[in-house]
């Protein structure tokens, strides 16, 4: 099987190389090959997710993909991710096709992850193509995870406060972590911190960053108990 990866160079030019030539290339930092386009009869909704991790706009071809982007953005192990930055072109016995990963990401320890859409072909040819490309390029393939139900709605609530404008300075952060040294309602703990009107936004932001945590199996509300996480304790240490 002949396999090539299409992507943009650091200068923005479209390139096509064998998978081995892409090993170590930070595709997650490159510009998308294209933006999704609306057209008459399209059933999915075009949208984009603004990553709180990097500030990049991540194009999504559906609300399902946007929910998956939200979950990736929430993952503390992911430092950068992007969509539509790689296409895997294949040719086999006179047949040709293209497989496009949902996202390409990089972890804190430098691993490259490729998140695959659910397979569309019963013969699993797309899965085989992506696996062979990953072997050459040094990618780890991960299934696309999409938050559902309570987790989705709770993440969406916290994501409203994911932006840097809600980030507390070091002193305010320390006060809030002390206020939530034991579980207490989010709104009540924020009020008890003495940090004024911005305290609730600070607290919600700390939930998003994982320094405050909660029971994610239950709806996240202003009255939900939250508490300082082990991640926050490790950071303080």
C-alpha atoms as a PDB file:
ATOM      1  CA  UNK A   1       0.000   0.000   0.000  1.00  0.00           C
ATOM      2  CA  UNK A   2       1.311   3.444  -0.937  1.00  0.00           C
ATOM      3  CA  UNK A   3       0.677   5.978   1.864  1.00  0.00           C
ATOM      4  CA  UNK A   4       1.503   9.674   2.001  1.00  0.00           C
ATOM      5  CA  UNK A   5       0.680  12.386   4.543  1.00  0.00           C
ATOM      6  CA  UNK A   6      -0.443  15.813   3.399  1.00  0.00           C
ATOM      7  CA  UNK A   7       0.145  18.786   5.700  1.00  0.00           C
ATOM      8  CA  UNK A   8       1.407  22.359   5.750  1.00  0.00           C
ATOM      9  CA  UNK A   9       5.046  23.284   6.141  1.00  0.00           C
ATOM     10  CA  UNK A  10       6.169  25.812   8.748  1.00  0.00           C
ATOM     11  CA  UNK A  11       5.990  28.412   5.947  1.00  0.00           C
ATOM     12  CA  UNK A  12       2.382  27.457   5.195  1.00  0.00           C
ATOM     13  CA  UNK A  13       2.968  25.561   1.942  1.00  0.00           C
ATOM     14  CA  UNK A  14       1.083  22.326   1.299  1.00  0.00           C
ATOM     15  CA  UNK A  15       3.399  19.298   1.425  1.00  0.00           C
ATOM     16  CA  UNK A  16       2.957  15.592   0.810  1.00  0.00           C
ATOM     17  CA  UNK A  17       5.516  13.127   2.217  1.00  0.00           C
ATOM     18  CA  UNK A  18       5.902   9.560   3.313  1.00  0.00           C
ATOM     19  CA  UNK A  19       4.906   9.041   6.968  1.00  0.00           C
ATOM     20  CA  UNK A  20       8.525   8.668   8.117  1.00  0.00           C
ATOM     21  CA  UNK A  21       9.277  12.199   6.895  1.00  0.00           C
ATOM     22  CA  UNK A  22       6.595  13.555   9.250  1.00  0.00           C
ATOM     23  CA  UNK A  23       8.074  11.942  12.360  1.00  0.00           C
ATOM     24  CA  UNK A  24       8.690  14.669  14.943  1.00  0.00           C
ATOM     25  CA  UNK A  25       6.901  17.386  12.923  1.00  0.00           C
ATOM     26  CA  UNK A  26       4.613  19.450  15.153  1.00  0.00           C
ATOM     27  CA  UNK A  27       1.555  19.174  12.958  1.00  0.00           C
ATOM     28  CA  UNK A  28      -0.622  20.266  15.877  1.00  0.00           C
ATOM     29  CA  UNK A  29       0.954  23.733  15.562  1.00  0.00           C
ATOM     30  CA  UNK A  30       0.498  24.013  11.796  1.00  0.00           C
ATOM     31  CA  UNK A  31      -2.305  25.775   9.949  1.00  0.00           C
ATOM     32  CA  UNK A  32      -5.260  23.621   8.837  1.00  0.00           C
ATOM     33  CA  UNK A  33      -5.172  22.376   5.266  1.00  0.00           C
ATOM     34  CA  UNK A  34      -8.636  23.862   4.795  1.00  0.00           C
ATOM     35  CA  UNK A  35     -11.605  25.199   6.707  1.00  0.00           C
ATOM     36  CA  UNK A  36     -14.885  23.280   6.618  1.00  0.00           C
ATOM     37  CA  UNK A  37     -17.415  24.867   4.283  1.00  0.00           C
ATOM     38  CA  UNK A  38     -21.151  25.189   4.577  1.00  0.00           C
ATOM     39  CA  UNK A  39     -23.161  23.964   1.611  1.00  0.00           C
ATOM     40  CA  UNK A  40     -26.789  23.430   0.742  1.00  0.00           C
ATOM     41  CA  UNK A  41     -28.092  20.216   2.227  1.00  0.00           C
ATOM     42  CA  UNK A  42     -25.316  19.812   4.792  1.00  0.00           C
ATOM     43  CA  UNK A  43     -26.778  18.210   7.918  1.00  0.00           C
ATOM     44  CA  UNK A  44     -23.890  18.918  10.309  1.00  0.00           C
ATOM     45  CA  UNK A  45     -23.209  22.304  11.892  1.00  0.00           C
ATOM     46  CA  UNK A  46     -19.921  24.066  11.249  1.00  0.00           C
ATOM     47  CA  UNK A  47     -18.375  25.569  14.346  1.00  0.00           C
ATOM     48  CA  UNK A  48     -15.054  26.003  16.102  1.00  0.00           C
ATOM     49  CA  UNK A  49     -13.646  25.553  19.575  1.00  0.00           C
ATOM     50  CA  UNK A  50     -11.291  28.170  20.989  1.00  0.00           C
ATOM     51  CA  UNK A  51      -8.700  26.279  22.986  1.00  0.00           C
ATOM     52  CA  UNK A  52      -8.124  27.637  26.478  1.00  0.00           C
ATOM     53  CA  UNK A  53      -4.788  25.795  26.446  1.00  0.00           C
ATOM     54  CA  UNK A  54      -3.291  27.540  23.408  1.00  0.00           C
ATOM     55  CA  UNK A  55      -5.791  30.211  22.335  1.00  0.00           C
ATOM     56  CA  UNK A  56      -5.993  28.577  18.893  1.00  0.00           C
ATOM     57  CA  UNK A  57      -9.252  28.238  16.989  1.00  0.00           C
ATOM     58  CA  UNK A  58      -9.935  24.553  16.339  1.00  0.00           C
ATOM     59  CA  UNK A  59     -12.319  24.010  13.416  1.00  0.00           C
ATOM     60  CA  UNK A  60     -15.001  21.392  13.964  1.00  0.00           C
ATOM     61  CA  UNK A  61     -17.310  19.942  11.330  1.00  0.00           C
ATOM     62  CA  UNK A  62     -20.050  19.138  13.844  1.00  0.00           C
ATOM     63  CA  UNK A  63     -21.189  19.825  17.387  1.00  0.00           C
ATOM     64  CA  UNK A  64     -20.112  16.265  18.259  1.00  0.00           C
ATOM     65  CA  UNK A  65     -16.553  17.053  17.196  1.00  0.00           C
ATOM     66  CA  UNK A  66     -16.708  20.317  19.150  1.00  0.00           C
ATOM     67  CA  UNK A  67     -17.700  18.389  22.291  1.00  0.00           C
ATOM     68  CA  UNK A  68     -14.712  16.104  21.700  1.00  0.00           C
ATOM     69  CA  UNK A  69     -12.501  19.202  21.384  1.00  0.00           C
ATOM     70  CA  UNK A  70     -13.831  20.478  24.715  1.00  0.00           C
ATOM     71  CA  UNK A  71     -12.835  17.201  26.381  1.00  0.00           C
ATOM     72  CA  UNK A  72      -9.343  17.378  24.854  1.00  0.00           C
ATOM     73  CA  UNK A  73      -8.966  20.955  26.058  1.00  0.00           C
ATOM     74  CA  UNK A  74      -9.914  19.836  29.571  1.00  0.00           C
ATOM     75  CA  UNK A  75      -7.286  17.069  29.565  1.00  0.00           C
ATOM     76  CA  UNK A  76      -4.264  18.379  31.562  1.00  0.00           C
ATOM     77  CA  UNK A  77      -1.940  16.033  29.659  1.00  0.00           C
ATOM     78  CA  UNK A  78      -2.700  17.717  26.305  1.00  0.00           C
ATOM     79  CA  UNK A  79      -0.665  20.873  25.669  1.00  0.00           C
ATOM     80  CA  UNK A  80      -1.655  21.509  22.041  1.00  0.00           C
ATOM     81  CA  UNK A  81      -4.159  20.084  19.565  1.00  0.00           C
ATOM     82  CA  UNK A  82      -5.612  20.992  16.202  1.00  0.00           C
ATOM     83  CA  UNK A  83      -7.968  19.640  13.550  1.00  0.00           C
ATOM     84  CA  UNK A  84      -7.704  19.382   9.751  1.00  0.00           C
ATOM     85  CA  UNK A  85      -3.899  19.589   9.791  1.00  0.00           C
ATOM     86  CA  UNK A  86      -3.214  16.152   8.270  1.00  0.00           C
ATOM     87  CA  UNK A  87      -4.686  13.984   5.543  1.00  0.00           C
ATOM     88  CA  UNK A  88      -3.476  10.457   4.909  1.00  0.00           C
ATOM     89  CA  UNK A  89      -3.703   9.550   1.215  1.00  0.00           C
ATOM     90  CA  UNK A  90      -3.551   5.889   0.216  1.00  0.00           C
ATOM     91  CA  UNK A  91      -3.472   3.839  -2.966  1.00  0.00           C
ATOM     92  CA  UNK A  92      -3.964   0.079  -3.198  1.00  0.00           C
ATOM     93  CA  UNK A  93      -4.625  -2.110  -6.236  1.00  0.00           C
ATOM     94  CA  UNK A  94      -6.012   0.741  -8.301  1.00  0.00           C
ATOM     95  CA  UNK A  95      -8.113   2.146  -5.466  1.00  0.00           C
ATOM     96  CA  UNK A  96      -7.449   5.491  -3.828  1.00  0.00           C
ATOM     97  CA  UNK A  97      -8.759   7.271  -0.780  1.00  0.00           C
ATOM     98  CA  UNK A  98      -8.103   9.762   2.006  1.00  0.00           C
ATOM     99  CA  UNK A  99      -8.342   9.398   5.768  1.00  0.00           C
ATOM    100  CA  UNK A 100      -8.444  12.556   7.884  1.00  0.00           C
ATOM    101  CA  UNK A 101      -7.920  12.288  11.657  1.00  0.00           C
ATOM    102  CA  UNK A 102     -10.322  14.208  13.856  1.00  0.00           C
ATOM    103  CA  UNK A 103      -7.461  15.821  15.827  1.00  0.00           C
ATOM    104  CA  UNK A 104      -3.689  15.745  16.119  1.00  0.00           C
ATOM    105  CA  UNK A 105      -2.342  16.493  19.610  1.00  0.00           C
ATOM    106  CA  UNK A 106       0.875  16.700  21.644  1.00  0.00           C
ATOM    107  CA  UNK A 107       1.232  15.655  25.281  1.00  0.00           C
ATOM    108  CA  UNK A 108       3.346  17.215  28.011  1.00  0.00           C
ATOM    109  CA  UNK A 109       5.995  14.539  27.539  1.00  0.00           C
ATOM    110  CA  UNK A 110       6.157  15.118  23.780  1.00  0.00           C
ATOM    111  CA  UNK A 111       4.100  12.201  22.478  1.00  0.00           C
ATOM    112  CA  UNK A 112       2.096  12.774  19.289  1.00  0.00           C
ATOM    113  CA  UNK A 113      -1.502  11.570  19.429  1.00  0.00           C
ATOM    114  CA  UNK A 114      -3.879  11.112  16.517  1.00  0.00           C
ATOM    115  CA  UNK A 115      -7.580  10.879  17.358  1.00  0.00           C
ATOM    116  CA  UNK A 116      -9.491   8.825  14.821  1.00  0.00           C
ATOM    117  CA  UNK A 117     -13.082   9.214  13.722  1.00  0.00           C
ATOM    118  CA  UNK A 118     -15.163   6.042  14.108  1.00  0.00           C
ATOM    119  CA  UNK A 119     -14.493   3.697  11.178  1.00  0.00           C
ATOM    120  CA  UNK A 120     -16.901   4.108   8.278  1.00  0.00           C
ATOM    121  CA  UNK A 121     -15.951   0.999   6.280  1.00  0.00           C
ATOM    122  CA  UNK A 122     -16.744  -2.582   7.262  1.00  0.00           C
ATOM    123  CA  UNK A 123     -13.458  -3.797   5.784  1.00  0.00           C
ATOM    124  CA  UNK A 124     -11.614  -1.565   8.309  1.00  0.00           C
ATOM    125  CA  UNK A 125      -9.396  -0.257   5.504  1.00  0.00           C
ATOM    126  CA  UNK A 126      -9.332   3.268   6.953  1.00  0.00           C
ATOM    127  CA  UNK A 127      -8.165   1.891  10.293  1.00  0.00           C
ATOM    128  CA  UNK A 128      -5.408  -0.056   8.546  1.00  0.00           C
ATOM    129  CA  UNK A 129      -4.303   3.036   6.593  1.00  0.00           C
ATOM    130  CA  UNK A 130      -4.122   5.186   9.690  1.00  0.00           C
ATOM    131  CA  UNK A 131      -2.297   2.480  11.624  1.00  0.00           C
ATOM    132  CA  UNK A 132       0.369   2.110   8.927  1.00  0.00           C
ATOM    133  CA  UNK A 133       0.793   5.884   8.718  1.00  0.00           C
ATOM    134  CA  UNK A 134       1.099   6.084  12.508  1.00  0.00           C
ATOM    135  CA  UNK A 135       3.778   3.383  12.563  1.00  0.00           C
ATOM    136  CA  UNK A 136       5.908   5.441  10.195  1.00  0.00           C
ATOM    137  CA  UNK A 137       5.183   8.870  11.654  1.00  0.00           C
ATOM    138  CA  UNK A 138       5.531   7.879  15.312  1.00  0.00           C
ATOM    139  CA  UNK A 139       1.929   8.680  16.205  1.00  0.00           C
ATOM    140  CA  UNK A 140      -0.172   7.020  18.875  1.00  0.00           C
ATOM    141  CA  UNK A 141      -3.732   6.393  17.679  1.00  0.00           C
ATOM    142  CA  UNK A 142      -6.522   7.088  20.131  1.00  0.00           C
ATOM    143  CA  UNK A 143     -10.285   6.682  19.665  1.00  0.00           C
ATOM    144  CA  UNK A 144     -12.283   9.889  19.598  1.00  0.00           C
ATOM    145  CA  UNK A 145     -13.994  10.363  22.958  1.00  0.00           C
ATOM    146  CA  UNK A 146     -17.131  12.493  23.142  1.00  0.00           C
ATOM    147  CA  UNK A 147     -18.555  13.522  26.547  1.00  0.00           C
ATOM    148  CA  UNK A 148     -22.190  12.667  27.043  1.00  0.00           C
ATOM    149  CA  UNK A 149     -25.004  13.563  29.412  1.00  0.00           C
ATOM    150  CA  UNK A 150     -24.058  14.967  32.802  1.00  0.00           C
ATOM    151  CA  UNK A 151     -20.335  15.108  32.026  1.00  0.00           C
ATOM    152  CA  UNK A 152     -20.933  17.097  28.855  1.00  0.00           C
ATOM    153  CA  UNK A 153     -23.196  19.665  30.531  1.00  0.00           C
ATOM    154  CA  UNK A 154     -20.851  20.023  33.513  1.00  0.00           C
ATOM    155  CA  UNK A 155     -17.781  20.504  31.318  1.00  0.00           C
ATOM    156  CA  UNK A 156     -19.685  23.066  29.257  1.00  0.00           C
ATOM    157  CA  UNK A 157     -20.545  24.987  32.447  1.00  0.00           C
ATOM    158  CA  UNK A 158     -16.898  25.057  33.544  1.00  0.00           C
ATOM    159  CA  UNK A 159     -15.721  25.907  30.025  1.00  0.00           C
ATOM    160  CA  UNK A 160     -17.543  29.252  30.196  1.00  0.00           C
ATOM    161  CA  UNK A 161     -14.819  30.257  32.665  1.00  0.00           C
ATOM    162  CA  UNK A 162     -11.853  28.674  30.854  1.00  0.00           C
ATOM    163  CA  UNK A 163     -10.471  31.942  29.453  1.00  0.00           C
ATOM    164  CA  UNK A 164      -7.450  33.749  30.906  1.00  0.00           C
ATOM    165  CA  UNK A 165      -9.660  36.632  32.067  1.00  0.00           C
ATOM    166  CA  UNK A 166     -10.953  34.320  34.831  1.00  0.00           C
ATOM    167  CA  UNK A 167      -7.520  33.167  35.989  1.00  0.00           C
ATOM    168  CA  UNK A 168      -6.659  34.199  39.546  1.00  0.00           C
ATOM    169  CA  UNK A 169      -3.240  35.577  40.423  1.00  0.00           C
ATOM    170  CA  UNK A 170      -1.061  33.520  42.751  1.00  0.00           C
ATOM    171  CA  UNK A 171      -2.325  35.143  45.948  1.00  0.00           C
ATOM    172  CA  UNK A 172      -6.014  34.803  45.030  1.00  0.00           C
ATOM    173  CA  UNK A 173      -5.454  31.233  43.868  1.00  0.00           C
ATOM    174  CA  UNK A 174      -3.831  30.322  47.193  1.00  0.00           C
ATOM    175  CA  UNK A 175      -6.727  31.869  49.133  1.00  0.00           C
ATOM    176  CA  UNK A 176      -9.269  29.885  47.109  1.00  0.00           C
ATOM    177  CA  UNK A 177      -7.430  26.607  47.514  1.00  0.00           C
ATOM    178  CA  UNK A 178      -7.381  27.190  51.261  1.00  0.00           C
ATOM    179  CA  UNK A 179     -11.108  27.999  51.189  1.00  0.00           C
ATOM    180  CA  UNK A 180     -11.744  24.675  49.476  1.00  0.00           C
ATOM    181  CA  UNK A 181      -9.355  22.599  51.568  1.00  0.00           C
ATOM    182  CA  UNK A 182     -12.455  20.601  52.453  1.00  0.00           C
ATOM    183  CA  UNK A 183     -15.520  20.073  50.242  1.00  0.00           C
ATOM    184  CA  UNK A 184     -17.958  22.965  50.239  1.00  0.00           C
ATOM    185  CA  UNK A 185     -20.458  24.445  47.771  1.00  0.00           C
ATOM    186  CA  UNK A 186     -18.668  26.291  44.969  1.00  0.00           C
ATOM    187  CA  UNK A 187     -20.593  29.521  45.398  1.00  0.00           C
ATOM    188  CA  UNK A 188     -20.360  29.499  49.196  1.00  0.00           C
ATOM    189  CA  UNK A 189     -16.628  28.805  49.188  1.00  0.00           C
ATOM    190  CA  UNK A 190     -16.008  31.597  46.714  1.00  0.00           C
ATOM    191  CA  UNK A 191     -18.009  34.020  48.867  1.00  0.00           C
ATOM    192  CA  UNK A 192     -16.125  32.939  51.995  1.00  0.00           C
ATOM    193  CA  UNK A 193     -12.759  33.617  50.335  1.00  0.00           C
ATOM    194  CA  UNK A 194     -13.215  37.374  50.716  1.00  0.00           C
ATOM    195  CA  UNK A 195     -12.051  37.992  47.150  1.00  0.00           C
ATOM    196  CA  UNK A 196     -15.158  39.894  46.141  1.00  0.00           C
ATOM    197  CA  UNK A 197     -17.205  39.729  42.946  1.00  0.00           C
ATOM    198  CA  UNK A 198     -14.518  38.016  40.886  1.00  0.00           C
ATOM    199  CA  UNK A 199     -14.196  35.087  43.284  1.00  0.00           C
ATOM    200  CA  UNK A 200     -16.880  32.865  41.648  1.00  0.00           C
ATOM    201  CA  UNK A 201     -15.231  33.235  38.236  1.00  0.00           C
ATOM    202  CA  UNK A 202     -11.858  32.407  39.765  1.00  0.00           C
ATOM    203  CA  UNK A 203     -13.320  29.311  41.416  1.00  0.00           C
ATOM    204  CA  UNK A 204     -14.980  28.088  38.216  1.00  0.00           C
ATOM    205  CA  UNK A 205     -11.684  28.597  36.368  1.00  0.00           C
ATOM    206  CA  UNK A 206      -9.865  26.458  38.925  1.00  0.00           C
ATOM    207  CA  UNK A 207     -12.438  23.731  38.335  1.00  0.00           C
ATOM    208  CA  UNK A 208     -11.662  23.920  34.623  1.00  0.00           C
ATOM    209  CA  UNK A 209      -7.897  23.707  35.215  1.00  0.00           C
ATOM    210  CA  UNK A 210      -8.396  20.766  37.580  1.00  0.00           C
ATOM    211  CA  UNK A 211      -7.038  22.469  40.695  1.00  0.00           C
ATOM    212  CA  UNK A 212     -10.513  22.281  42.168  1.00  0.00           C
ATOM    213  CA  UNK A 213     -12.444  19.112  41.525  1.00  0.00           C
ATOM    214  CA  UNK A 214     -15.912  17.709  42.075  1.00  0.00           C
ATOM    215  CA  UNK A 215     -18.036  14.619  41.545  1.00  0.00           C
ATOM    216  CA  UNK A 216     -18.228  14.583  37.730  1.00  0.00           C
ATOM    217  CA  UNK A 217     -20.986  11.965  37.815  1.00  0.00           C
ATOM    218  CA  UNK A 218     -23.355  14.638  39.152  1.00  0.00           C
ATOM    219  CA  UNK A 219     -24.438  17.959  37.579  1.00  0.00           C
ATOM    220  CA  UNK A 220     -21.983  20.768  38.296  1.00  0.00           C
ATOM    221  CA  UNK A 221     -23.916  23.686  39.779  1.00  0.00           C
ATOM    222  CA  UNK A 222     -23.026  26.724  41.918  1.00  0.00           C
ATOM    223  CA  UNK A 223     -24.279  24.697  44.892  1.00  0.00           C
ATOM    224  CA  UNK A 224     -22.164  21.611  44.062  1.00  0.00           C
ATOM    225  CA  UNK A 225     -19.442  20.616  46.544  1.00  0.00           C
ATOM    226  CA  UNK A 226     -15.925  21.185  45.190  1.00  0.00           C
ATOM    227  CA  UNK A 227     -12.544  20.780  46.822  1.00  0.00           C
ATOM    228  CA  UNK A 228      -8.831  21.244  46.202  1.00  0.00           C
ATOM    229  CA  UNK A 229      -7.483  18.407  44.083  1.00  0.00           C
ATOM    230  CA  UNK A 230      -4.283  16.392  44.384  1.00  0.00           C
ATOM    231  CA  UNK A 231      -3.027  18.239  41.297  1.00  0.00           C
ATOM    232  CA  UNK A 232      -3.296  21.536  43.171  1.00  0.00           C
ATOM    233  CA  UNK A 233      -1.507  20.091  46.191  1.00  0.00           C
ATOM    234  CA  UNK A 234       1.308  18.781  43.975  1.00  0.00           C
ATOM    235  CA  UNK A 235       1.641  22.178  42.300  1.00  0.00           C
ATOM    236  CA  UNK A 236       1.860  23.916  45.664  1.00  0.00           C
ATOM    237  CA  UNK A 237       4.539  21.471  46.790  1.00  0.00           C
END
